[in-house]
Protein backbone atom coordinates (compact mmCIF):
# COMPACT_ATOMS: atom_id res chain seq x y z
CA MET A 1 -4.66 -0.16 1.40
CA ASN A 2 -4.09 -1.03 -2.26
CA ASN A 3 -5.07 2.49 -3.34
CA PHE A 4 -2.70 3.99 -0.77
CA ILE A 5 0.18 1.87 -2.09
CA GLN A 6 -0.57 2.96 -5.66
CA MET A 7 -0.73 6.60 -4.53
CA LEU A 8 2.78 6.30 -3.10
CA THR A 9 4.04 5.20 -6.51
CA TYR A 10 2.10 7.96 -8.30
CA PHE A 11 3.51 10.46 -5.82
CA ARG A 12 7.05 9.70 -7.05
CA ILE A 13 5.91 10.18 -10.64
CA ILE A 14 4.53 13.66 -9.98
CA ALA A 15 7.24 14.59 -7.47
CA GLY A 16 9.91 14.52 -10.20
CA PRO A 17 8.54 17.43 -12.26
CA ILE A 18 7.64 19.37 -9.11
CA ILE A 19 11.18 19.03 -7.77
CA PHE A 20 12.55 20.04 -11.17
CA PHE A 21 10.57 23.30 -11.17
CA LEU A 22 11.35 24.03 -7.53
CA ILE A 23 15.08 23.72 -8.25
CA VAL A 24 15.36 25.26 -11.71
CA VAL A 25 12.68 27.94 -11.70
CA PHE A 26 12.33 28.92 -8.04
CA GLN A 27 15.67 27.80 -6.57
CA SER A 28 13.69 26.49 -3.58
CA PHE A 29 16.26 23.91 -2.57
CA GLY A 30 14.80 23.31 0.90
CA ILE A 31 11.29 22.54 -0.35
CA ALA A 32 12.71 20.43 -3.18
CA LEU A 33 14.80 18.50 -0.64
CA PHE A 34 11.75 17.92 1.57
CA ILE A 35 9.70 16.56 -1.35
CA LEU A 36 12.64 14.41 -2.49
CA ILE A 37 12.93 12.90 0.99
CA LEU A 38 9.20 12.14 1.00
CA ALA A 39 9.44 10.62 -2.49
CA SER A 40 12.46 8.54 -1.43
CA LEU A 41 10.59 7.24 1.60
CA SER A 42 7.56 6.43 -0.56
CA ASP A 43 9.79 4.18 -2.66
CA TYR A 44 10.52 2.09 0.42
CA TRP A 45 7.01 2.13 1.86
CA ASP A 46 5.08 1.16 -1.27
CA GLY A 47 7.15 -2.00 -1.70
CA TYR A 48 7.13 -2.83 2.00
CA LEU A 49 3.37 -2.41 2.36
CA ALA A 50 2.62 -4.30 -0.86
CA ARG A 51 4.67 -7.27 0.37
CA LYS A 52 3.36 -7.10 3.94
CA TYR A 53 -0.29 -7.12 2.89
CA SER A 54 0.22 -9.40 -0.16
CA LEU A 55 -0.91 -6.65 -2.50
CA THR A 56 1.86 -6.98 -5.06
CA SER A 57 0.66 -6.71 -8.63
CA VAL A 58 2.01 -6.79 -12.15
CA LEU A 59 1.09 -3.12 -12.55
CA GLY A 60 2.94 -2.24 -9.36
CA ALA A 61 5.99 -4.24 -10.45
CA VAL A 62 6.02 -2.30 -13.74
CA LEU A 63 5.22 1.16 -12.35
CA ASP A 64 7.60 1.10 -9.38
CA PRO A 65 10.86 1.12 -11.38
CA ILE A 66 9.35 3.57 -13.88
CA ALA A 67 8.42 5.94 -11.04
CA ASP A 68 12.01 5.72 -9.80
CA LYS A 69 13.36 6.46 -13.28
CA ILE A 70 11.08 9.47 -13.71
CA LEU A 71 12.06 10.87 -10.32
CA ILE A 72 15.78 10.30 -10.91
CA THR A 73 15.66 11.79 -14.41
CA PHE A 74 13.98 15.01 -13.30
CA VAL A 75 16.26 15.46 -10.29
CA LEU A 76 19.40 14.76 -12.34
CA LEU A 77 18.39 17.30 -14.98
CA ALA A 78 17.51 19.89 -12.35
CA LEU A 79 20.84 19.47 -10.56
CA VAL A 80 22.77 19.74 -13.84
CA LEU A 81 20.99 22.99 -14.65
CA ALA A 82 21.20 24.43 -11.13
CA LEU A 83 24.91 23.71 -10.77
CA ASN A 84 25.88 23.95 -14.44
CA SER A 85 27.80 20.77 -13.72
CA ILE A 86 29.49 18.82 -16.48
CA PHE A 87 30.41 16.19 -13.87
CA ILE A 88 26.80 15.52 -12.84
CA ALA A 89 25.75 15.70 -16.51
CA SER A 90 28.34 13.08 -17.48
CA LEU A 91 27.40 10.72 -14.66
CA GLY A 92 23.73 11.37 -15.33
CA CYS A 93 24.07 10.43 -18.99
CA VAL A 94 25.65 7.10 -18.07
CA ILE A 95 23.04 6.47 -15.35
CA LEU A 96 20.18 7.25 -17.71
CA ALA A 97 21.69 5.15 -20.52
CA ARG A 98 21.82 2.22 -18.09
CA GLU A 99 18.18 2.81 -17.15
CA PHE A 100 17.11 2.76 -20.81
CA TRP A 101 19.22 -0.34 -21.43
CA VAL A 102 17.71 -2.21 -18.47
CA GLY A 103 14.24 -1.15 -19.61
CA ALA A 104 15.00 -2.65 -23.02
CA LEU A 105 16.30 -5.82 -21.38
CA ARG A 106 13.11 -6.11 -19.33
CA ASP A 107 11.00 -5.74 -22.47
CA PHE A 108 13.17 -8.28 -24.31
CA ASN A 109 12.94 -10.74 -21.41
CA ALA A 110 9.16 -10.30 -21.11
CA ARG A 111 8.76 -11.13 -24.80
CA ASN A 112 10.96 -14.21 -24.42
CA GLY A 113 9.52 -15.53 -21.15
CA ASN A 114 12.71 -14.78 -19.20
CA GLU A 115 11.39 -12.19 -16.73
CA THR A 116 13.48 -13.56 -13.87
CA ALA A 117 16.67 -12.35 -15.58
CA THR A 118 15.74 -8.75 -14.82
CA THR A 119 13.85 -9.11 -11.57
CA VAL A 120 14.80 -6.25 -9.27
CA THR A 121 17.74 -7.31 -7.11
CA PHE A 122 18.78 -6.11 -3.67
CA LEU A 123 21.81 -4.40 -5.23
CA ALA A 124 19.47 -2.52 -7.58
CA LYS A 125 17.54 -1.28 -4.54
CA ILE A 126 20.83 -0.13 -3.03
CA LYS A 127 21.59 1.62 -6.34
CA THR A 128 18.36 3.59 -6.20
CA THR A 129 18.89 4.40 -2.52
CA MET A 130 22.44 5.57 -3.20
CA GLN A 131 21.31 7.78 -6.09
CA LEU A 132 18.55 9.36 -4.01
CA LEU A 133 20.87 9.87 -1.03
CA SER A 134 23.45 11.59 -3.22
CA PHE A 135 20.75 13.90 -4.61
CA CYS A 136 19.62 14.71 -1.06
CA TRP A 137 23.21 15.44 -0.08
CA ILE A 138 23.68 17.78 -3.06
CA LEU A 139 20.38 19.54 -2.39
CA THR A 140 21.33 19.97 1.26
CA GLY A 141 24.60 21.54 0.09
CA LEU A 142 22.67 23.89 -2.19
CA TYR A 143 20.25 24.79 0.59
CA PHE A 144 23.06 25.64 3.03
CA ASN A 145 25.33 27.01 0.26
CA ASN A 146 28.00 24.53 1.35
CA ALA A 147 30.49 23.47 -1.31
CA LEU A 148 31.84 20.59 0.78
CA MET A 149 28.39 18.99 1.00
CA ILE A 150 27.95 19.37 -2.76
CA PHE A 151 31.38 17.81 -3.32
CA LEU A 152 30.50 14.88 -1.05
CA GLY A 153 27.17 14.51 -2.86
CA ASN A 154 29.09 14.31 -6.14
CA PHE A 155 31.38 11.68 -4.62
CA PHE A 156 28.38 9.62 -3.48
CA LEU A 157 26.86 10.00 -6.93
CA PHE A 158 30.05 8.56 -8.41
CA LEU A 159 29.74 5.59 -6.03
CA ALA A 160 26.11 5.24 -7.11
CA LEU A 161 27.31 5.19 -10.72
CA ILE A 162 29.59 2.24 -9.98
CA ILE A 163 26.70 0.30 -8.42
CA THR A 164 24.46 1.36 -11.31
CA MET A 165 26.90 -0.05 -13.85
CA GLN A 166 27.31 -3.27 -11.85
CA THR A 167 23.57 -3.91 -11.75
CA GLY A 168 23.24 -3.13 -15.46
CA LEU A 169 26.04 -5.59 -16.21
CA SER A 170 24.50 -8.31 -14.04
CA TYR A 171 21.10 -7.89 -15.75
CA THR A 172 22.82 -8.06 -19.14
CA ILE A 173 24.71 -11.22 -18.26
CA ALA A 174 21.58 -12.86 -16.83
CA THR A 175 19.63 -11.96 -19.98
CA PHE A 176 22.07 -13.40 -22.49
CA LYS A 177 23.39 -16.30 -20.43
CA LYS A 178 22.52 -19.58 -22.12
């Protein structure tokens, strides 16, 4: 079971570049959407199964958020290129800056014995879910060539940005609170 859980995490890591090439090179939005849905579900299942079978590990706790970041980075870049969207690029830059910042906070807290300050919160899980749902919505719009779905996906991505900033702020406050 432990190997299966690790494979779910590794799947998200390799799914990112695959989705990128499917979108940018082949414009295969349907296949990219299918893989993104599988990768999104793997994010839920690896954590659920690890907790259910008491197979949580330090490596898993480190790799899980990194797998999410890799997946989100590749999908964001692919959508920016596919849509030539300054809006998605702008939101993506802020989202990625937050991800780098939180990564730095986690490293800082690990070095100072304050790991609990940046333990993944429920709101952070909602953030990731919201980001992935907005990407799925946009990809569905691209697949069906539906501008309204793409617009709604952009709206949901903006909502995800707000949650993203909130979680980054809460991690920052928890890190420097003394």
